Amino acid sequence: MRTAALAALLAAQALTAAAQPAGVAVYPGAKPDAATTDFLRRQMGVEGAAYRTGDALQKVAAFYQAQPGVQPMGEATKDSAAFVAGCKEEFNAVMKKKMTTGCTHHVTVQNPWMDMKTGKMVQDTLVSIVKQ
């Protein structure tokens, strides 16, 4: 029993640490979702982590909107918002304007969302932080 609890604690710390070095904060109070993180890594083939919170999507999206270095990708909808982080602003001589390039992470906020293991819709808020 103690071994399982320790393993769960270490896994949670590893998931949180995966997002932090990129400068992308995990939403305060969000709990790691091991099954969705596993799906991202094994099925989608991306390096990332997923977290869940009971807070409303708008509140979570506002948190990411306020984070330094995090930029929205288009307009948020009632059930999703997307952000990029770790980007550079570079002048594009062809387009003759500054453009965002080289983003290192993508943050997606969803509510509701589909649990890929069960196929059921889940009514809490999912935050996915994925390295690009």
C-alpha atoms as a PDB file:
ATOM      1  CA  MET A   1       0.000   0.000   0.000  1.00  0.00           C
ATOM      2  CA  ARG A   2       2.806   2.427   0.905  1.00  0.00           C
ATOM      3  CA  THR A   3       4.665   1.548  -2.281  1.00  0.00           C
ATOM      4  CA  ALA A   4       1.607   2.323  -4.425  1.00  0.00           C
ATOM      5  CA  ALA A   5       1.067   5.662  -2.656  1.00  0.00           C
ATOM      6  CA  LEU A   6       4.723   6.593  -3.123  1.00  0.00           C
ATOM      7  CA  ALA A   7       4.596   5.609  -6.796  1.00  0.00           C
ATOM      8  CA  ALA A   8       1.475   7.767  -7.310  1.00  0.00           C
ATOM      9  CA  LEU A   9       3.141  10.729  -5.590  1.00  0.00           C
ATOM     10  CA  LEU A  10       6.287  10.391  -7.709  1.00  0.00           C
ATOM     11  CA  ALA A  11       4.217  10.125 -10.896  1.00  0.00           C
ATOM     12  CA  ALA A  12       2.280  13.279  -9.972  1.00  0.00           C
ATOM     13  CA  GLN A  13       5.527  15.150  -9.286  1.00  0.00           C
ATOM     14  CA  ALA A  14       6.988  13.993 -12.605  1.00  0.00           C
ATOM     15  CA  LEU A  15       3.915  15.207 -14.513  1.00  0.00           C
ATOM     16  CA  THR A  16       4.070  18.612 -12.835  1.00  0.00           C
ATOM     17  CA  ALA A  17       7.807  18.892 -13.440  1.00  0.00           C
ATOM     18  CA  ALA A  18       7.294  18.075 -17.138  1.00  0.00           C
ATOM     19  CA  ALA A  19       5.398  21.324 -17.659  1.00  0.00           C
ATOM     20  CA  GLN A  20       7.331  23.643 -15.330  1.00  0.00           C
ATOM     21  CA  PRO A  21      10.747  23.796 -17.091  1.00  0.00           C
ATOM     22  CA  ALA A  22       9.081  25.186 -20.198  1.00  0.00           C
ATOM     23  CA  GLY A  23       7.823  28.144 -18.227  1.00  0.00           C
ATOM     24  CA  VAL A  24       4.229  26.964 -18.575  1.00  0.00           C
ATOM     25  CA  ALA A  25       2.595  26.881 -15.169  1.00  0.00           C
ATOM     26  CA  VAL A  26       0.181  24.123 -14.262  1.00  0.00           C
ATOM     27  CA  TYR A  27      -3.184  25.637 -13.329  1.00  0.00           C
ATOM     28  CA  PRO A  28      -3.271  26.026  -9.519  1.00  0.00           C
ATOM     29  CA  GLY A  29      -5.032  23.124  -7.846  1.00  0.00           C
ATOM     30  CA  ALA A  30      -5.266  21.045 -11.045  1.00  0.00           C
ATOM     31  CA  LYS A  31      -4.534  17.368 -10.481  1.00  0.00           C
ATOM     32  CA  PRO A  32      -2.478  15.244 -12.887  1.00  0.00           C
ATOM     33  CA  ASP A  33      -4.533  12.895 -15.061  1.00  0.00           C
ATOM     34  CA  ALA A  34      -2.311   9.859 -15.595  1.00  0.00           C
ATOM     35  CA  ALA A  35      -4.630   8.111 -18.084  1.00  0.00           C
ATOM     36  CA  THR A  36      -4.901  11.126 -20.412  1.00  0.00           C
ATOM     37  CA  THR A  37      -1.174  11.818 -20.088  1.00  0.00           C
ATOM     38  CA  ASP A  38      -0.498   8.206 -21.041  1.00  0.00           C
ATOM     39  CA  PHE A  39      -2.837   8.584 -24.043  1.00  0.00           C
ATOM     40  CA  LEU A  40      -0.984  11.737 -25.170  1.00  0.00           C
ATOM     41  CA  ARG A  41       2.365  10.011 -24.934  1.00  0.00           C
ATOM     42  CA  ARG A  42       1.581   6.507 -26.209  1.00  0.00           C
ATOM     43  CA  GLN A  43      -1.256   7.039 -28.675  1.00  0.00           C
ATOM     44  CA  MET A  44      -0.562  10.574 -29.883  1.00  0.00           C
ATOM     45  CA  GLY A  45       3.225  10.256 -29.692  1.00  0.00           C
ATOM     46  CA  VAL A  46       3.747  13.650 -28.063  1.00  0.00           C
ATOM     47  CA  GLU A  47       5.645  14.750 -24.981  1.00  0.00           C
ATOM     48  CA  GLY A  48       3.098  16.281 -22.664  1.00  0.00           C
ATOM     49  CA  ALA A  49       0.940  16.048 -19.594  1.00  0.00           C
ATOM     50  CA  ALA A  50      -2.746  16.460 -18.755  1.00  0.00           C
ATOM     51  CA  TYR A  51      -4.372  17.912 -15.653  1.00  0.00           C
ATOM     52  CA  ARG A  52      -7.953  18.183 -14.394  1.00  0.00           C
ATOM     53  CA  THR A  53      -9.757  20.817 -12.357  1.00  0.00           C
ATOM     54  CA  GLY A  54     -13.316  21.458 -11.274  1.00  0.00           C
ATOM     55  CA  ASP A  55     -12.954  25.153 -12.149  1.00  0.00           C
ATOM     56  CA  ALA A  56     -14.838  26.620 -15.107  1.00  0.00           C
ATOM     57  CA  LEU A  57     -13.136  26.752 -18.487  1.00  0.00           C
ATOM     58  CA  GLN A  58     -13.350  30.572 -18.545  1.00  0.00           C
ATOM     59  CA  LYS A  59     -11.473  30.826 -15.237  1.00  0.00           C
ATOM     60  CA  VAL A  60      -8.747  28.430 -16.386  1.00  0.00           C
ATOM     61  CA  ALA A  61      -8.442  30.198 -19.762  1.00  0.00           C
ATOM     62  CA  ALA A  62      -8.150  33.575 -17.982  1.00  0.00           C
ATOM     63  CA  PHE A  63      -5.306  32.154 -15.882  1.00  0.00           C
ATOM     64  CA  TYR A  64      -3.338  31.136 -18.992  1.00  0.00           C
ATOM     65  CA  GLN A  65      -4.193  34.395 -20.782  1.00  0.00           C
ATOM     66  CA  ALA A  66      -2.542  36.275 -17.880  1.00  0.00           C
ATOM     67  CA  GLN A  67       0.664  34.196 -17.859  1.00  0.00           C
ATOM     68  CA  PRO A  68       3.782  35.914 -19.219  1.00  0.00           C
ATOM     69  CA  GLY A  69       4.988  34.341 -22.443  1.00  0.00           C
ATOM     70  CA  VAL A  70       1.668  32.570 -23.108  1.00  0.00           C
ATOM     71  CA  GLN A  71      -0.355  33.744 -26.116  1.00  0.00           C
ATOM     72  CA  PRO A  72      -3.855  32.762 -27.237  1.00  0.00           C
ATOM     73  CA  MET A  73      -4.335  30.837 -30.464  1.00  0.00           C
ATOM     74  CA  GLY A  74      -7.470  32.427 -31.827  1.00  0.00           C
ATOM     75  CA  GLU A  75     -10.602  33.125 -29.835  1.00  0.00           C
ATOM     76  CA  ALA A  76     -11.727  30.898 -26.985  1.00  0.00           C
ATOM     77  CA  THR A  77     -15.101  29.186 -27.403  1.00  0.00           C
ATOM     78  CA  LYS A  78     -17.543  28.115 -24.714  1.00  0.00           C
ATOM     79  CA  ASP A  79     -15.891  24.683 -24.545  1.00  0.00           C
ATOM     80  CA  SER A  80     -12.236  25.184 -25.508  1.00  0.00           C
ATOM     81  CA  ALA A  81      -9.286  27.561 -25.527  1.00  0.00           C
ATOM     82  CA  ALA A  82      -5.793  27.111 -26.926  1.00  0.00           C
ATOM     83  CA  PHE A  83      -2.509  28.844 -26.195  1.00  0.00           C
ATOM     84  CA  VAL A  84       1.131  28.712 -27.282  1.00  0.00           C
ATOM     85  CA  ALA A  85       4.184  29.393 -25.129  1.00  0.00           C
ATOM     86  CA  GLY A  86       7.907  29.813 -25.547  1.00  0.00           C
ATOM     87  CA  CYS A  87       7.485  31.710 -28.818  1.00  0.00           C
ATOM     88  CA  LYS A  88       9.785  34.229 -30.465  1.00  0.00           C
ATOM     89  CA  GLU A  89       8.757  37.366 -32.327  1.00  0.00           C
ATOM     90  CA  GLU A  90      10.691  37.708 -35.573  1.00  0.00           C
ATOM     91  CA  PHE A  91      10.359  40.138 -38.441  1.00  0.00           C
ATOM     92  CA  ASN A  92       9.359  38.360 -41.635  1.00  0.00           C
ATOM     93  CA  ALA A  93      10.863  40.301 -44.558  1.00  0.00           C
ATOM     94  CA  VAL A  94       8.529  38.682 -47.096  1.00  0.00           C
ATOM     95  CA  MET A  95       5.350  39.411 -45.109  1.00  0.00           C
ATOM     96  CA  LYS A  96       6.813  42.710 -43.861  1.00  0.00           C
ATOM     97  CA  LYS A  97       5.562  42.213 -40.330  1.00  0.00           C
ATOM     98  CA  LYS A  98       6.492  40.653 -37.019  1.00  0.00           C
ATOM     99  CA  MET A  99       5.424  37.033 -36.719  1.00  0.00           C
ATOM    100  CA  THR A 100       5.361  34.537 -33.887  1.00  0.00           C
ATOM    101  CA  THR A 101       7.686  31.609 -34.516  1.00  0.00           C
ATOM    102  CA  GLY A 102       9.422  28.775 -32.731  1.00  0.00           C
ATOM    103  CA  CYS A 103       6.781  28.145 -30.079  1.00  0.00           C
ATOM    104  CA  THR A 104       7.867  25.365 -27.752  1.00  0.00           C
ATOM    105  CA  HIS A 105       4.574  24.404 -26.077  1.00  0.00           C
ATOM    106  CA  HIS A 106       0.877  24.190 -26.802  1.00  0.00           C
ATOM    107  CA  VAL A 107      -1.721  24.481 -24.022  1.00  0.00           C
ATOM    108  CA  THR A 108      -5.289  23.281 -24.581  1.00  0.00           C
ATOM    109  CA  VAL A 109      -8.154  23.849 -22.151  1.00  0.00           C
ATOM    110  CA  GLN A 110     -11.372  21.834 -22.707  1.00  0.00           C
ATOM    111  CA  ASN A 111     -14.710  21.384 -20.955  1.00  0.00           C
ATOM    112  CA  PRO A 112     -16.404  19.058 -21.641  1.00  0.00           C
ATOM    113  CA  TRP A 113     -13.879  16.585 -23.044  1.00  0.00           C
ATOM    114  CA  MET A 114     -13.912  12.944 -24.104  1.00  0.00           C
ATOM    115  CA  ASP A 115     -12.155  10.339 -22.011  1.00  0.00           C
ATOM    116  CA  MET A 116     -10.386   8.384 -24.756  1.00  0.00           C
ATOM    117  CA  LYS A 117     -10.298   5.224 -22.649  1.00  0.00           C
ATOM    118  CA  THR A 118     -14.037   5.066 -21.924  1.00  0.00           C
ATOM    119  CA  GLY A 119     -15.420   7.172 -24.777  1.00  0.00           C
ATOM    120  CA  LYS A 120     -17.523   9.111 -22.248  1.00  0.00           C
ATOM    121  CA  MET A 121     -17.821  12.878 -22.037  1.00  0.00           C
ATOM    122  CA  VAL A 122     -16.317  14.318 -18.864  1.00  0.00           C
ATOM    123  CA  GLN A 123     -17.725  17.504 -17.352  1.00  0.00           C
ATOM    124  CA  ASP A 124     -14.673  18.923 -15.574  1.00  0.00           C
ATOM    125  CA  THR A 125     -11.927  21.027 -17.181  1.00  0.00           C
ATOM    126  CA  LEU A 126      -8.941  19.325 -18.820  1.00  0.00           C
ATOM    127  CA  VAL A 127      -5.657  21.168 -19.347  1.00  0.00           C
ATOM    128  CA  SER A 128      -3.132  19.586 -21.724  1.00  0.00           C
ATOM    129  CA  ILE A 129       0.408  20.970 -21.953  1.00  0.00           C
ATOM    130  CA  VAL A 130       2.280  19.509 -24.913  1.00  0.00           C
ATOM    131  CA  LYS A 131       5.815  20.120 -26.147  1.00  0.00           C
ATOM    132  CA  GLN A 132       5.877  21.000 -29.843  1.00  0.00           C
END
